[in-house]
Amino acid sequence: MGNANLRKEKFTNLSDMEIGAFYTAKDSPATESPLPLPGDYPYTRGVQETMYRGRLWTMRQYAGFGSAKDSNERYKH
């Protein structure tokens, strides 16, 4: 995964532990079957290789949330 399009150099959790770009079955012995890499079909990890490390969520995820009035209030929130 290329780092050129990432929003931040380092991603951490609330305990300031670094969060990896993605994890594979090698990272967790409890994983039964390997998942495809991010950006690969069937997109179980998202359609973009870097997902939201490169771009923030956009409001279109909320489109159709309740009525038109409810959606409009959410956009303004």
N, C-alpha and C. Protein backbone atom coordinates (compact mmCIF):
# COMPACT_ATOMS: atom_id res chain seq x y z
N MET A 1 0.84 -1.17 0.00
CA MET A 1 0.00 0.00 0.00
C MET A 1 0.89 1.23 0.00
N GLY A 2 0.67 2.11 -0.95
CA GLY A 2 1.44 3.33 -1.03
C GLY A 2 1.02 4.35 0.02
N ASN A 3 1.98 5.09 0.55
CA ASN A 3 1.67 6.07 1.59
C ASN A 3 1.44 7.47 1.03
N ALA A 4 1.56 7.66 -0.27
CA ALA A 4 1.49 8.99 -0.86
C ALA A 4 0.14 9.67 -0.65
N ASN A 5 -0.94 8.90 -0.58
CA ASN A 5 -2.28 9.49 -0.50
C ASN A 5 -2.89 9.43 0.89
N LEU A 6 -2.10 9.14 1.92
CA LEU A 6 -2.66 9.03 3.26
C LEU A 6 -2.85 10.39 3.91
N ARG A 7 -3.89 10.51 4.72
CA ARG A 7 -4.19 11.77 5.41
C ARG A 7 -3.17 12.05 6.51
N LYS A 8 -2.70 11.00 7.18
CA LYS A 8 -1.75 11.15 8.28
C LYS A 8 -0.60 10.18 8.09
N GLU A 9 0.53 10.49 8.69
CA GLU A 9 1.69 9.61 8.61
C GLU A 9 1.52 8.38 9.49
N LYS A 10 0.86 8.55 10.66
CA LYS A 10 0.70 7.48 11.63
C LYS A 10 -0.74 7.47 12.14
N PHE A 11 -1.35 6.30 12.20
CA PHE A 11 -2.70 6.14 12.74
C PHE A 11 -2.59 5.39 14.06
N THR A 12 -3.24 5.92 15.12
CA THR A 12 -3.16 5.31 16.45
C THR A 12 -4.55 5.20 17.07
N ASN A 13 -4.64 4.35 18.09
CA ASN A 13 -5.89 4.25 18.85
C ASN A 13 -5.82 5.20 20.04
N LEU A 14 -6.80 5.14 20.93
CA LEU A 14 -6.84 6.05 22.08
C LEU A 14 -5.68 5.82 23.04
N SER A 15 -5.07 4.65 23.02
CA SER A 15 -3.92 4.35 23.88
C SER A 15 -2.60 4.68 23.19
N ASP A 16 -2.67 5.37 22.07
CA ASP A 16 -1.52 5.77 21.27
C ASP A 16 -0.73 4.57 20.72
N MET A 17 -1.42 3.44 20.56
CA MET A 17 -0.80 2.26 19.93
C MET A 17 -1.01 2.39 18.43
N GLU A 18 0.04 2.16 17.66
CA GLU A 18 -0.07 2.29 16.21
C GLU A 18 -0.97 1.21 15.63
N ILE A 19 -1.82 1.62 14.69
CA ILE A 19 -2.75 0.72 14.02
C ILE A 19 -2.19 0.43 12.63
N GLY A 20 -2.02 -0.85 12.31
CA GLY A 20 -1.48 -1.23 11.01
C GLY A 20 -2.42 -0.87 9.88
N ALA A 21 -1.88 -0.80 8.69
CA ALA A 21 -2.68 -0.45 7.51
C ALA A 21 -3.78 -1.48 7.28
N PHE A 22 -3.46 -2.75 7.47
CA PHE A 22 -4.44 -3.83 7.42
C PHE A 22 -3.79 -5.06 8.03
N TYR A 23 -4.59 -6.03 8.37
CA TYR A 23 -4.09 -7.24 9.02
C TYR A 23 -4.47 -8.45 8.19
N THR A 24 -3.66 -9.48 8.26
CA THR A 24 -3.91 -10.71 7.51
C THR A 24 -4.09 -11.87 8.47
N ALA A 25 -4.35 -13.05 7.95
CA ALA A 25 -4.52 -14.24 8.78
C ALA A 25 -3.26 -14.52 9.61
N LYS A 26 -2.11 -14.10 9.14
CA LYS A 26 -0.86 -14.30 9.89
C LYS A 26 -0.86 -13.50 11.19
N ASP A 27 -1.65 -12.43 11.25
CA ASP A 27 -1.71 -11.58 12.44
C ASP A 27 -2.65 -12.14 13.51
N SER A 28 -3.53 -13.06 13.14
CA SER A 28 -4.49 -13.62 14.09
C SER A 28 -4.67 -15.11 13.84
N PRO A 29 -4.18 -15.93 14.77
CA PRO A 29 -4.33 -17.39 14.57
C PRO A 29 -5.79 -17.84 14.61
N ALA A 30 -6.71 -17.00 15.11
CA ALA A 30 -8.12 -17.37 15.18
C ALA A 30 -8.83 -17.24 13.84
N THR A 31 -8.18 -16.62 12.85
CA THR A 31 -8.80 -16.44 11.54
C THR A 31 -8.89 -17.77 10.82
N GLU A 32 -10.10 -18.13 10.40
CA GLU A 32 -10.32 -19.42 9.76
C GLU A 32 -9.93 -19.41 8.29
N SER A 33 -10.27 -18.34 7.59
CA SER A 33 -9.93 -18.29 6.17
C SER A 33 -9.39 -16.90 5.84
N PRO A 34 -8.44 -16.84 4.95
CA PRO A 34 -7.85 -15.55 4.62
C PRO A 34 -8.83 -14.63 3.89
N LEU A 35 -8.78 -13.36 4.21
CA LEU A 35 -9.59 -12.36 3.52
C LEU A 35 -8.77 -11.78 2.38
N PRO A 36 -9.46 -11.29 1.35
CA PRO A 36 -8.71 -10.62 0.28
C PRO A 36 -8.11 -9.31 0.80
N LEU A 37 -7.14 -8.79 0.11
CA LEU A 37 -6.52 -7.53 0.50
C LEU A 37 -7.50 -6.38 0.27
N PRO A 38 -7.34 -5.28 1.00
CA PRO A 38 -8.22 -4.13 0.77
C PRO A 38 -8.17 -3.70 -0.69
N GLY A 39 -9.33 -3.41 -1.26
CA GLY A 39 -9.42 -2.98 -2.65
C GLY A 39 -9.58 -4.13 -3.64
N ASP A 40 -9.52 -5.36 -3.16
CA ASP A 40 -9.68 -6.54 -4.03
C ASP A 40 -11.07 -7.15 -3.88
N TYR A 41 -11.58 -7.70 -4.96
CA TYR A 41 -12.87 -8.39 -4.97
C TYR A 41 -12.84 -9.51 -3.94
N PRO A 42 -13.87 -9.76 -3.17
CA PRO A 42 -15.21 -9.21 -3.19
C PRO A 42 -15.41 -8.00 -2.28
N TYR A 43 -14.39 -7.24 -2.06
CA TYR A 43 -14.44 -5.96 -1.34
C TYR A 43 -14.93 -6.09 0.10
N THR A 44 -14.53 -7.18 0.78
CA THR A 44 -14.91 -7.35 2.18
C THR A 44 -14.19 -6.34 3.07
N ARG A 45 -13.14 -5.71 2.55
CA ARG A 45 -12.42 -4.70 3.31
C ARG A 45 -12.51 -3.33 2.67
N GLY A 46 -13.45 -3.15 1.78
CA GLY A 46 -13.65 -1.86 1.14
C GLY A 46 -13.16 -1.84 -0.29
N VAL A 47 -13.66 -0.86 -1.05
CA VAL A 47 -13.37 -0.79 -2.48
C VAL A 47 -12.08 -0.04 -2.79
N GLN A 48 -11.56 0.70 -1.83
CA GLN A 48 -10.32 1.43 -2.06
C GLN A 48 -9.19 0.79 -1.25
N GLU A 49 -8.00 0.79 -1.79
CA GLU A 49 -6.86 0.17 -1.13
C GLU A 49 -6.56 0.81 0.23
N THR A 50 -6.63 2.12 0.29
CA THR A 50 -6.32 2.82 1.54
C THR A 50 -7.55 3.17 2.35
N MET A 51 -8.73 2.98 1.80
CA MET A 51 -10.01 3.31 2.43
C MET A 51 -9.96 4.68 3.09
N TYR A 52 -10.32 4.80 4.34
CA TYR A 52 -10.46 6.12 4.95
C TYR A 52 -9.16 6.65 5.55
N ARG A 53 -8.07 5.98 5.29
CA ARG A 53 -6.78 6.55 5.65
C ARG A 53 -6.38 7.59 4.61
N GLY A 54 -6.92 7.48 3.43
CA GLY A 54 -6.63 8.43 2.38
C GLY A 54 -7.66 9.53 2.27
N ARG A 55 -8.92 9.18 2.49
CA ARG A 55 -10.00 10.16 2.40
C ARG A 55 -10.96 9.94 3.56
N LEU A 56 -11.52 11.03 4.05
CA LEU A 56 -12.50 10.92 5.12
C LEU A 56 -13.82 10.40 4.57
N TRP A 57 -14.69 9.96 5.47
CA TRP A 57 -16.03 9.55 5.08
C TRP A 57 -16.73 10.73 4.44
N THR A 58 -17.59 10.46 3.52
CA THR A 58 -18.37 11.54 2.90
C THR A 58 -19.82 11.40 3.33
N MET A 59 -20.56 12.47 3.18
CA MET A 59 -21.95 12.47 3.64
C MET A 59 -22.85 11.54 2.84
N ARG A 60 -22.42 11.05 1.71
CA ARG A 60 -23.32 10.19 0.93
C ARG A 60 -23.65 8.89 1.67
N GLN A 61 -22.87 8.52 2.68
CA GLN A 61 -23.20 7.33 3.46
C GLN A 61 -24.52 7.52 4.21
N TYR A 62 -24.95 8.77 4.40
CA TYR A 62 -26.15 9.05 5.14
C TYR A 62 -27.35 9.32 4.24
N ALA A 63 -27.18 9.31 2.94
CA ALA A 63 -28.28 9.60 2.03
C ALA A 63 -29.39 8.58 2.24
N GLY A 64 -30.61 9.08 2.29
CA GLY A 64 -31.75 8.20 2.47
C GLY A 64 -31.96 7.80 3.92
N PHE A 65 -31.35 8.51 4.85
CA PHE A 65 -31.48 8.21 6.27
C PHE A 65 -32.79 8.80 6.77
N GLY A 66 -33.87 8.02 6.77
CA GLY A 66 -35.17 8.52 7.17
C GLY A 66 -35.80 9.34 6.06
N SER A 67 -36.54 10.35 6.45
CA SER A 67 -37.22 11.20 5.48
C SER A 67 -36.24 12.21 4.88
N ALA A 68 -36.69 12.94 3.87
CA ALA A 68 -35.85 13.98 3.27
C ALA A 68 -35.51 15.04 4.31
N LYS A 69 -36.46 15.37 5.16
CA LYS A 69 -36.22 16.35 6.22
C LYS A 69 -35.15 15.84 7.20
N ASP A 70 -35.24 14.56 7.61
CA ASP A 70 -34.27 13.96 8.52
C ASP A 70 -32.87 13.95 7.89
N SER A 71 -32.80 13.59 6.61
CA SER A 71 -31.51 13.57 5.92
C SER A 71 -30.90 14.96 5.87
N ASN A 72 -31.71 15.97 5.56
CA ASN A 72 -31.23 17.33 5.47
C ASN A 72 -30.71 17.80 6.83
N GLU A 73 -31.42 17.47 7.91
CA GLU A 73 -30.96 17.84 9.26
C GLU A 73 -29.63 17.16 9.57
N ARG A 74 -29.47 15.93 9.13
CA ARG A 74 -28.21 15.20 9.37
C ARG A 74 -27.06 15.87 8.63
N TYR A 75 -27.28 16.27 7.39
CA TYR A 75 -26.22 16.94 6.62
C TYR A 75 -25.77 18.21 7.32
N LYS A 76 -26.72 18.96 7.85
CA LYS A 76 -26.42 20.22 8.52
C LYS A 76 -25.76 20.02 9.88
N HIS A 77 -25.99 18.85 10.49
CA HIS A 77 -25.39 18.53 11.78
C HIS A 77 -23.89 18.40 11.62
